[in-house]
Amino acid sequence: MFIHRSYKSDGTVITETDLAISRRILGVVADLFEDVNIISEETLTPFREDAPYTFVLDPIDGTDVYSQGLPSWAVALGILDRNRKPVGAMISAPRWGIGEEELFLRLDPGKELTINGRRFSPSTDKDFPHQITMGSSGQRLMDFSRFEGKIRIFGSSILHMLSPVLYDHIQGCVNQSCYVWDIAAAHAALLSVGMDIEYVDGTPFIYDDAFLLERKPFSPSFYAGTKTCIKALRDVLPAK
């Protein structure tokens, strides 16, 4: 099947599939929840500070790889609470998985994480970054002189961030500057299993107005993993 690629003003790829998924999911969320905010990569909507939840949608995270026929892309819907903490997610990666043909992650606020309908707990050996995921610009921004592990690059921030949760032998992630819809759903999954994200300079990651409402990318890069893994990443893979 031929997929037509177009380009947005920032140079990123967009397809008709992105727009169709955005319309469909925004419509369903609006029908089910009357008093929530919805933020989508492809659609501007009003924002109320007093809303109990904010849904954050990336219709296709990894549009570039999707448009080339590669499998590492995902539809990601994150949920932030009133305090802008990621507390829920639904992530569908129909051509990705954990030894199966697809991946569907669900995390309802206050509930346990499930993968493909089953309760999921990650491996406990996650405190040293023997193997990590990273965005495609990491080679320009990070100092690899002390890092002796393996690096996986998929082309999707959501899948990069999920990897320490999903895969036994991937412990951490280094994610470069991107937007709220690129990370919110995966951040909720990380938090649900005791992991988190932290800027490479050591400052906590927050969903401030610039990131959430003004739709600006975060900066600098961040580490993802357990607190111990993040500390180790800062030692062996610092920013340049």
C-alpha atoms as a PDB file:
ATOM      1  CA  MET A   1       0.000   0.000   0.000  1.00  0.00           C
ATOM      2  CA  PHE A   2       1.360   3.417  -0.967  1.00  0.00           C
ATOM      3  CA  ILE A   3       1.429   5.988   1.838  1.00  0.00           C
ATOM      4  CA  HIS A   4       1.591   9.617   0.740  1.00  0.00           C
ATOM      5  CA  ARG A   5       3.984  11.727   2.817  1.00  0.00           C
ATOM      6  CA  SER A   6       3.433  15.445   3.378  1.00  0.00           C
ATOM      7  CA  TYR A   7       5.463  17.809   5.520  1.00  0.00           C
ATOM      8  CA  LYS A   8       4.412  20.214   8.255  1.00  0.00           C
ATOM      9  CA  SER A   9       5.929  23.665   8.735  1.00  0.00           C
ATOM     10  CA  ASP A  10       8.557  22.279  11.130  1.00  0.00           C
ATOM     11  CA  GLY A  11       9.706  19.738   8.542  1.00  0.00           C
ATOM     12  CA  THR A  12       8.181  16.683  10.216  1.00  0.00           C
ATOM     13  CA  VAL A  13       6.248  14.111   8.223  1.00  0.00           C
ATOM     14  CA  ILE A  14       2.446  13.855   8.248  1.00  0.00           C
ATOM     15  CA  THR A  15       0.098  11.454   6.462  1.00  0.00           C
ATOM     16  CA  GLU A  16      -3.655  11.242   5.928  1.00  0.00           C
ATOM     17  CA  THR A  17      -3.635   8.395   8.441  1.00  0.00           C
ATOM     18  CA  ASP A  18      -2.453  10.768  11.192  1.00  0.00           C
ATOM     19  CA  LEU A  19      -5.356  13.094  10.497  1.00  0.00           C
ATOM     20  CA  ALA A  20      -7.941  10.308  10.292  1.00  0.00           C
ATOM     21  CA  ILE A  21      -6.809   8.733  13.577  1.00  0.00           C
ATOM     22  CA  SER A  22      -6.799  12.135  15.272  1.00  0.00           C
ATOM     23  CA  ARG A  23     -10.367  12.889  14.188  1.00  0.00           C
ATOM     24  CA  ARG A  24     -11.614   9.462  15.265  1.00  0.00           C
ATOM     25  CA  ILE A  25     -10.024   9.400  18.714  1.00  0.00           C
ATOM     26  CA  LEU A  26     -10.808  13.036  19.528  1.00  0.00           C
ATOM     27  CA  GLY A  27     -14.432  12.362  18.655  1.00  0.00           C
ATOM     28  CA  VAL A  28     -14.620   9.293  20.896  1.00  0.00           C
ATOM     29  CA  VAL A  29     -12.976  11.061  23.856  1.00  0.00           C
ATOM     30  CA  ALA A  30     -15.274  14.082  23.477  1.00  0.00           C
ATOM     31  CA  ASP A  31     -18.343  11.811  23.411  1.00  0.00           C
ATOM     32  CA  LEU A  32     -17.282   9.837  26.487  1.00  0.00           C
ATOM     33  CA  PHE A  33     -15.903  12.649  28.666  1.00  0.00           C
ATOM     34  CA  GLU A  34     -17.544  16.069  28.573  1.00  0.00           C
ATOM     35  CA  ASP A  35     -15.347  17.848  31.118  1.00  0.00           C
ATOM     36  CA  VAL A  36     -11.787  16.951  30.057  1.00  0.00           C
ATOM     37  CA  ASN A  37      -9.106  18.697  28.032  1.00  0.00           C
ATOM     38  CA  ILE A  38      -7.816  17.149  24.826  1.00  0.00           C
ATOM     39  CA  ILE A  39      -4.421  18.014  23.347  1.00  0.00           C
ATOM     40  CA  SER A  40      -3.541  16.495  19.979  1.00  0.00           C
ATOM     41  CA  GLU A  41      -0.521  16.869  17.747  1.00  0.00           C
ATOM     42  CA  GLU A  42      -2.744  17.574  14.758  1.00  0.00           C
ATOM     43  CA  THR A  43      -5.664  19.543  16.273  1.00  0.00           C
ATOM     44  CA  LEU A  44      -5.948  22.676  18.434  1.00  0.00           C
ATOM     45  CA  THR A  45      -8.612  22.568  21.174  1.00  0.00           C
ATOM     46  CA  PRO A  46      -9.533  24.794  24.180  1.00  0.00           C
ATOM     47  CA  PHE A  47      -7.876  24.165  27.571  1.00  0.00           C
ATOM     48  CA  ARG A  48      -9.464  24.524  31.024  1.00  0.00           C
ATOM     49  CA  GLU A  49      -7.207  24.580  34.095  1.00  0.00           C
ATOM     50  CA  ASP A  50      -9.957  23.098  36.287  1.00  0.00           C
ATOM     51  CA  ALA A  51     -10.561  20.034  34.111  1.00  0.00           C
ATOM     52  CA  PRO A  52     -10.017  16.779  36.064  1.00  0.00           C
ATOM     53  CA  TYR A  53      -8.007  15.176  33.263  1.00  0.00           C
ATOM     54  CA  THR A  54      -6.112  16.162  30.133  1.00  0.00           C
ATOM     55  CA  PHE A  55      -5.910  13.617  27.317  1.00  0.00           C
ATOM     56  CA  VAL A  56      -2.779  13.955  25.157  1.00  0.00           C
ATOM     57  CA  LEU A  57      -2.890  12.285  21.739  1.00  0.00           C
ATOM     58  CA  ASP A  58      -0.228  11.424  19.209  1.00  0.00           C
ATOM     59  CA  PRO A  59      -2.144   9.825  16.313  1.00  0.00           C
ATOM     60  CA  ILE A  60       1.055   8.185  15.064  1.00  0.00           C
ATOM     61  CA  ASP A  61       4.274   8.488  17.016  1.00  0.00           C
ATOM     62  CA  GLY A  62       6.878   7.573  14.434  1.00  0.00           C
ATOM     63  CA  THR A  63       5.086   8.885  11.345  1.00  0.00           C
ATOM     64  CA  ASP A  64       8.341   8.946   9.389  1.00  0.00           C
ATOM     65  CA  VAL A  65       9.026   5.243   9.930  1.00  0.00           C
ATOM     66  CA  TYR A  66       5.328   4.388   9.449  1.00  0.00           C
ATOM     67  CA  SER A  67       5.297   6.157   6.081  1.00  0.00           C
ATOM     68  CA  GLN A  68       8.294   4.077   4.964  1.00  0.00           C
ATOM     69  CA  GLY A  69       6.671   0.764   5.904  1.00  0.00           C
ATOM     70  CA  LEU A  70       8.732   0.141   9.038  1.00  0.00           C
ATOM     71  CA  PRO A  71       7.020  -1.421  12.086  1.00  0.00           C
ATOM     72  CA  SER A  72       8.210   0.809  14.947  1.00  0.00           C
ATOM     73  CA  TRP A  73       5.321   3.259  15.355  1.00  0.00           C
ATOM     74  CA  ALA A  74       2.456   3.628  17.815  1.00  0.00           C
ATOM     75  CA  VAL A  75      -0.844   5.378  18.442  1.00  0.00           C
ATOM     76  CA  ALA A  76      -0.468   6.949  21.889  1.00  0.00           C
ATOM     77  CA  LEU A  77      -3.093   8.491  24.182  1.00  0.00           C
ATOM     78  CA  GLY A  78      -1.808   9.753  27.520  1.00  0.00           C
ATOM     79  CA  ILE A  79      -3.833  11.032  30.471  1.00  0.00           C
ATOM     80  CA  LEU A  80      -2.655  13.774  32.856  1.00  0.00           C
ATOM     81  CA  ASP A  81      -4.459  14.523  36.116  1.00  0.00           C
ATOM     82  CA  ARG A  82      -5.405  17.987  37.382  1.00  0.00           C
ATOM     83  CA  ASN A  83      -1.841  18.455  38.647  1.00  0.00           C
ATOM     84  CA  ARG A  84      -0.434  17.544  35.212  1.00  0.00           C
ATOM     85  CA  LYS A  85       0.950  14.228  36.402  1.00  0.00           C
ATOM     86  CA  PRO A  86       0.800  11.404  33.824  1.00  0.00           C
ATOM     87  CA  VAL A  87      -1.598   8.842  35.308  1.00  0.00           C
ATOM     88  CA  GLY A  88      -3.025   6.898  32.372  1.00  0.00           C
ATOM     89  CA  ALA A  89      -2.308   5.667  28.873  1.00  0.00           C
ATOM     90  CA  MET A  90      -3.520   3.652  25.950  1.00  0.00           C
ATOM     91  CA  ILE A  91      -0.832   2.747  23.432  1.00  0.00           C
ATOM     92  CA  SER A  92      -1.401   0.637  20.343  1.00  0.00           C
ATOM     93  CA  ALA A  93       1.600  -0.570  18.351  1.00  0.00           C
ATOM     94  CA  PRO A  94      -0.016  -3.035  15.925  1.00  0.00           C
ATOM     95  CA  ARG A  95       3.240  -4.096  14.270  1.00  0.00           C
ATOM     96  CA  TRP A  96       5.353  -4.155  17.439  1.00  0.00           C
ATOM     97  CA  GLY A  97       5.206  -6.428  20.458  1.00  0.00           C
ATOM     98  CA  ILE A  98       6.741  -8.599  23.158  1.00  0.00           C
ATOM     99  CA  GLY A  99       6.940 -11.907  21.341  1.00  0.00           C
ATOM    100  CA  GLU A 100       3.462 -11.411  19.882  1.00  0.00           C
ATOM    101  CA  GLU A 101       2.181  -9.823  16.691  1.00  0.00           C
ATOM    102  CA  GLU A 102       0.952  -6.637  18.346  1.00  0.00           C
ATOM    103  CA  LEU A 103       1.222  -4.514  21.457  1.00  0.00           C
ATOM    104  CA  PHE A 104      -1.665  -2.860  23.288  1.00  0.00           C
ATOM    105  CA  LEU A 105      -0.831  -1.168  26.567  1.00  0.00           C
ATOM    106  CA  ARG A 106      -3.582   0.074  28.858  1.00  0.00           C
ATOM    107  CA  LEU A 107      -3.227   1.998  32.083  1.00  0.00           C
ATOM    108  CA  ASP A 108      -6.415   3.411  33.604  1.00  0.00           C
ATOM    109  CA  PRO A 109      -5.836   6.077  36.299  1.00  0.00           C
ATOM    110  CA  GLY A 110      -5.383   4.323  39.634  1.00  0.00           C
ATOM    111  CA  LYS A 111      -5.312   0.854  38.059  1.00  0.00           C
ATOM    112  CA  GLU A 112      -2.597  -1.663  37.191  1.00  0.00           C
ATOM    113  CA  LEU A 113      -0.729  -1.678  33.909  1.00  0.00           C
ATOM    114  CA  THR A 114      -1.886  -4.289  31.382  1.00  0.00           C
ATOM    115  CA  ILE A 115      -0.281  -5.467  28.156  1.00  0.00           C
ATOM    116  CA  ASN A 116      -2.519  -7.182  25.610  1.00  0.00           C
ATOM    117  CA  GLY A 117      -5.177  -7.556  28.304  1.00  0.00           C
ATOM    118  CA  ARG A 118      -2.907  -9.157  30.916  1.00  0.00           C
ATOM    119  CA  ARG A 119      -1.420  -7.654  34.075  1.00  0.00           C
ATOM    120  CA  PHE A 120       2.220  -6.798  33.515  1.00  0.00           C
ATOM    121  CA  SER A 121       5.227  -6.392  35.799  1.00  0.00           C
ATOM    122  CA  PRO A 122       8.678  -5.513  34.438  1.00  0.00           C
ATOM    123  CA  SER A 123      11.935  -7.276  35.188  1.00  0.00           C
ATOM    124  CA  THR A 124      13.578  -6.149  38.423  1.00  0.00           C
ATOM    125  CA  ASP A 125      17.138  -5.983  37.026  1.00  0.00           C
ATOM    126  CA  LYS A 126      16.940  -2.410  35.750  1.00  0.00           C
ATOM    127  CA  ASP A 127      19.518  -0.385  37.655  1.00  0.00           C
ATOM    128  CA  PHE A 128      22.485  -0.332  35.257  1.00  0.00           C
ATOM    129  CA  PRO A 129      22.229   0.676  31.573  1.00  0.00           C
ATOM    130  CA  HIS A 130      23.730  -2.318  29.789  1.00  0.00           C
ATOM    131  CA  GLN A 131      21.341  -1.629  26.908  1.00  0.00           C
ATOM    132  CA  ILE A 132      19.334   1.512  26.174  1.00  0.00           C
ATOM    133  CA  THR A 133      17.128   3.149  23.584  1.00  0.00           C
ATOM    134  CA  MET A 134      17.824   6.567  22.120  1.00  0.00           C
ATOM    135  CA  GLY A 135      16.497   9.057  19.603  1.00  0.00           C
ATOM    136  CA  SER A 136      18.205   9.466  16.246  1.00  0.00           C
ATOM    137  CA  SER A 137      19.895  12.751  17.219  1.00  0.00           C
ATOM    138  CA  GLY A 138      21.556  11.314  20.303  1.00  0.00           C
ATOM    139  CA  GLN A 139      24.872  10.776  18.550  1.00  0.00           C
ATOM    140  CA  ARG A 140      25.237  14.559  18.193  1.00  0.00           C
ATOM    141  CA  LEU A 141      24.223  15.453  21.736  1.00  0.00           C
ATOM    142  CA  MET A 142      25.683  12.814  24.054  1.00  0.00           C
ATOM    143  CA  ASP A 143      29.253  11.864  25.035  1.00  0.00           C
ATOM    144  CA  PHE A 144      29.750   8.154  24.314  1.00  0.00           C
ATOM    145  CA  SER A 145      33.393   7.948  25.427  1.00  0.00           C
ATOM    146  CA  ARG A 146      32.522   6.043  28.650  1.00  0.00           C
ATOM    147  CA  PHE A 147      29.497   4.087  27.471  1.00  0.00           C
ATOM    148  CA  GLU A 148      30.159   0.407  26.726  1.00  0.00           C
ATOM    149  CA  GLY A 149      26.585  -0.829  26.368  1.00  0.00           C
ATOM    150  CA  LYS A 150      24.269  -1.353  23.417  1.00  0.00           C
ATOM    151  CA  ILE A 151      21.961   1.230  21.854  1.00  0.00           C
ATOM    152  CA  ARG A 152      18.651   0.608  20.066  1.00  0.00           C
ATOM    153  CA  ILE A 153      17.025   3.270  17.867  1.00  0.00           C
ATOM    154  CA  PHE A 154      13.489   2.645  16.619  1.00  0.00           C
ATOM    155  CA  GLY A 155      12.231   6.045  15.405  1.00  0.00           C
ATOM    156  CA  SER A 156       9.448   6.427  18.000  1.00  0.00           C
ATOM    157  CA  SER A 157       9.842   8.271  21.309  1.00  0.00           C
ATOM    158  CA  ILE A 158       6.918   6.329  22.756  1.00  0.00           C
ATOM    159  CA  LEU A 159       8.540   2.968  21.965  1.00  0.00           C
ATOM    160  CA  HIS A 160      11.952   4.196  23.125  1.00  0.00           C
ATOM    161  CA  MET A 161      10.503   5.192  26.511  1.00  0.00           C
ATOM    162  CA  LEU A 162       8.427   2.032  26.854  1.00  0.00           C
ATOM    163  CA  SER A 163      11.374  -0.266  26.222  1.00  0.00           C
ATOM    164  CA  PRO A 164      12.782  -0.208  29.797  1.00  0.00           C
ATOM    165  CA  VAL A 165       9.305  -1.200  30.980  1.00  0.00           C
ATOM    166  CA  LEU A 166       8.642  -3.892  28.380  1.00  0.00           C
ATOM    167  CA  TYR A 167      11.947  -5.600  27.662  1.00  0.00           C
ATOM    168  CA  ASP A 168      14.016  -7.520  30.205  1.00  0.00           C
ATOM    169  CA  HIS A 169      17.397  -6.559  28.782  1.00  0.00           C
ATOM    170  CA  ILE A 170      16.788  -2.850  28.098  1.00  0.00           C
ATOM    171  CA  GLN A 171      17.301  -0.783  31.229  1.00  0.00           C
ATOM    172  CA  GLY A 172      17.097   2.860  30.184  1.00  0.00           C
ATOM    173  CA  CYS A 173      16.341   5.482  27.572  1.00  0.00           C
ATOM    174  CA  VAL A 174      17.847   8.783  26.468  1.00  0.00           C
ATOM    175  CA  ASN A 175      15.270  10.925  24.708  1.00  0.00           C
ATOM    176  CA  GLN A 176      16.023  14.084  22.793  1.00  0.00           C
ATOM    177  CA  SER A 177      13.878  17.210  22.479  1.00  0.00           C
ATOM    178  CA  CYS A 178      10.288  16.536  21.341  1.00  0.00           C
ATOM    179  CA  TYR A 179       6.688  17.445  22.198  1.00  0.00           C
ATOM    180  CA  VAL A 180       4.200  16.563  24.924  1.00  0.00           C
ATOM    181  CA  TRP A 181       2.285  14.108  22.709  1.00  0.00           C
ATOM    182  CA  ASP A 182       5.540  12.244  22.024  1.00  0.00           C
ATOM    183  CA  ILE A 183       6.049  11.294  25.669  1.00  0.00           C
ATOM    184  CA  ALA A 184       2.945  11.665  27.890  1.00  0.00           C
ATOM    185  CA  ALA A 185       1.520   8.157  27.427  1.00  0.00           C
ATOM    186  CA  ALA A 186       4.872   6.401  27.857  1.00  0.00           C
ATOM    187  CA  HIS A 187       5.732   8.593  30.862  1.00  0.00           C
ATOM    188  CA  ALA A 188       2.562   7.349  32.584  1.00  0.00           C
ATOM    189  CA  ALA A 189       3.640   3.754  31.961  1.00  0.00           C
ATOM    190  CA  LEU A 190       7.104   4.441  33.388  1.00  0.00           C
ATOM    191  CA  LEU A 191       5.666   6.033  36.530  1.00  0.00           C
ATOM    192  CA  SER A 192       3.278   3.116  37.053  1.00  0.00           C
ATOM    193  CA  VAL A 193       6.212   0.709  37.511  1.00  0.00           C
ATOM    194  CA  GLY A 194       8.397   2.982  39.647  1.00  0.00           C
ATOM    195  CA  MET A 195      10.476   4.541  36.877  1.00  0.00           C
ATOM    196  CA  ASP A 196      10.605   8.195  35.841  1.00  0.00           C
ATOM    197  CA  ILE A 197      12.285  10.718  33.564  1.00  0.00           C
ATOM    198  CA  GLU A 198      14.795  13.429  34.460  1.00  0.00           C
ATOM    199  CA  TYR A 199      16.597  16.074  32.440  1.00  0.00           C
ATOM    200  CA  VAL A 200      20.255  15.331  31.697  1.00  0.00           C
ATOM    201  CA  ASP A 201      21.253  18.343  33.821  1.00  0.00           C
ATOM    202  CA  GLY A 202      19.563  16.787  36.854  1.00  0.00           C
ATOM    203  CA  THR A 203      16.488  19.002  37.053  1.00  0.00           C
ATOM    204  CA  PRO A 204      13.058  17.389  37.458  1.00  0.00           C
ATOM    205  CA  PHE A 205      10.835  17.086  34.396  1.00  0.00           C
ATOM    206  CA  ILE A 206       7.617  19.121  34.618  1.00  0.00           C
ATOM    207  CA  TYR A 207       4.653  19.712  32.324  1.00  0.00           C
ATOM    208  CA  ASP A 208       4.780  23.500  32.353  1.00  0.00           C
ATOM    209  CA  ASP A 209       2.684  25.882  30.231  1.00  0.00           C
ATOM    210  CA  ALA A 210       5.340  26.182  27.533  1.00  0.00           C
ATOM    211  CA  PHE A 211       5.447  22.413  27.058  1.00  0.00           C
ATOM    212  CA  LEU A 212       1.754  21.619  27.502  1.00  0.00           C
ATOM    213  CA  LEU A 213      -0.147  24.686  26.282  1.00  0.00           C
ATOM    214  CA  GLU A 214       2.258  26.557  24.021  1.00  0.00           C
ATOM    215  CA  ARG A 215       3.186  23.257  22.347  1.00  0.00           C
ATOM    216  CA  LYS A 216       6.924  23.885  22.588  1.00  0.00           C
ATOM    217  CA  PRO A 217       9.453  21.021  22.693  1.00  0.00           C
ATOM    218  CA  PHE A 218      11.210  20.299  25.969  1.00  0.00           C
ATOM    219  CA  SER A 219      14.945  20.882  26.282  1.00  0.00           C
ATOM    220  CA  PRO A 220      17.546  19.545  27.079  1.00  0.00           C
ATOM    221  CA  SER A 221      17.410  15.755  26.597  1.00  0.00           C
ATOM    222  CA  PHE A 222      16.201  13.496  29.404  1.00  0.00           C
ATOM    223  CA  TYR A 223      17.044  10.103  30.864  1.00  0.00           C
ATOM    224  CA  ALA A 224      14.354   7.499  31.603  1.00  0.00           C
ATOM    225  CA  GLY A 225      14.554   4.535  33.956  1.00  0.00           C
ATOM    226  CA  THR A 226      14.863   3.782  37.654  1.00  0.00           C
ATOM    227  CA  LYS A 227      16.501   6.432  39.834  1.00  0.00           C
ATOM    228  CA  THR A 228      19.619   4.261  40.051  1.00  0.00           C
ATOM    229  CA  CYS A 229      19.731   3.754  36.290  1.00  0.00           C
ATOM    230  CA  ILE A 230      19.314   7.481  35.646  1.00  0.00           C
ATOM    231  CA  LYS A 231      22.243   8.203  37.972  1.00  0.00           C
ATOM    232  CA  ALA A 232      24.353   5.625  36.127  1.00  0.00           C
ATOM    233  CA  LEU A 233      23.373   7.089  32.750  1.00  0.00           C
ATOM    234  CA  ARG A 234      24.472  10.512  33.911  1.00  0.00           C
ATOM    235  CA  ASP A 235      27.874   9.025  34.791  1.00  0.00           C
ATOM    236  CA  VAL A 236      28.511   6.884  31.694  1.00  0.00           C
ATOM    237  CA  LEU A 237      26.543   8.799  29.045  1.00  0.00           C
ATOM    238  CA  PRO A 238      26.547  12.520  29.872  1.00  0.00           C
ATOM    239  CA  ALA A 239      25.473  15.299  27.570  1.00  0.00           C
ATOM    240  CA  LYS A 240      28.214  16.948  25.541  1.00  0.00           C
END
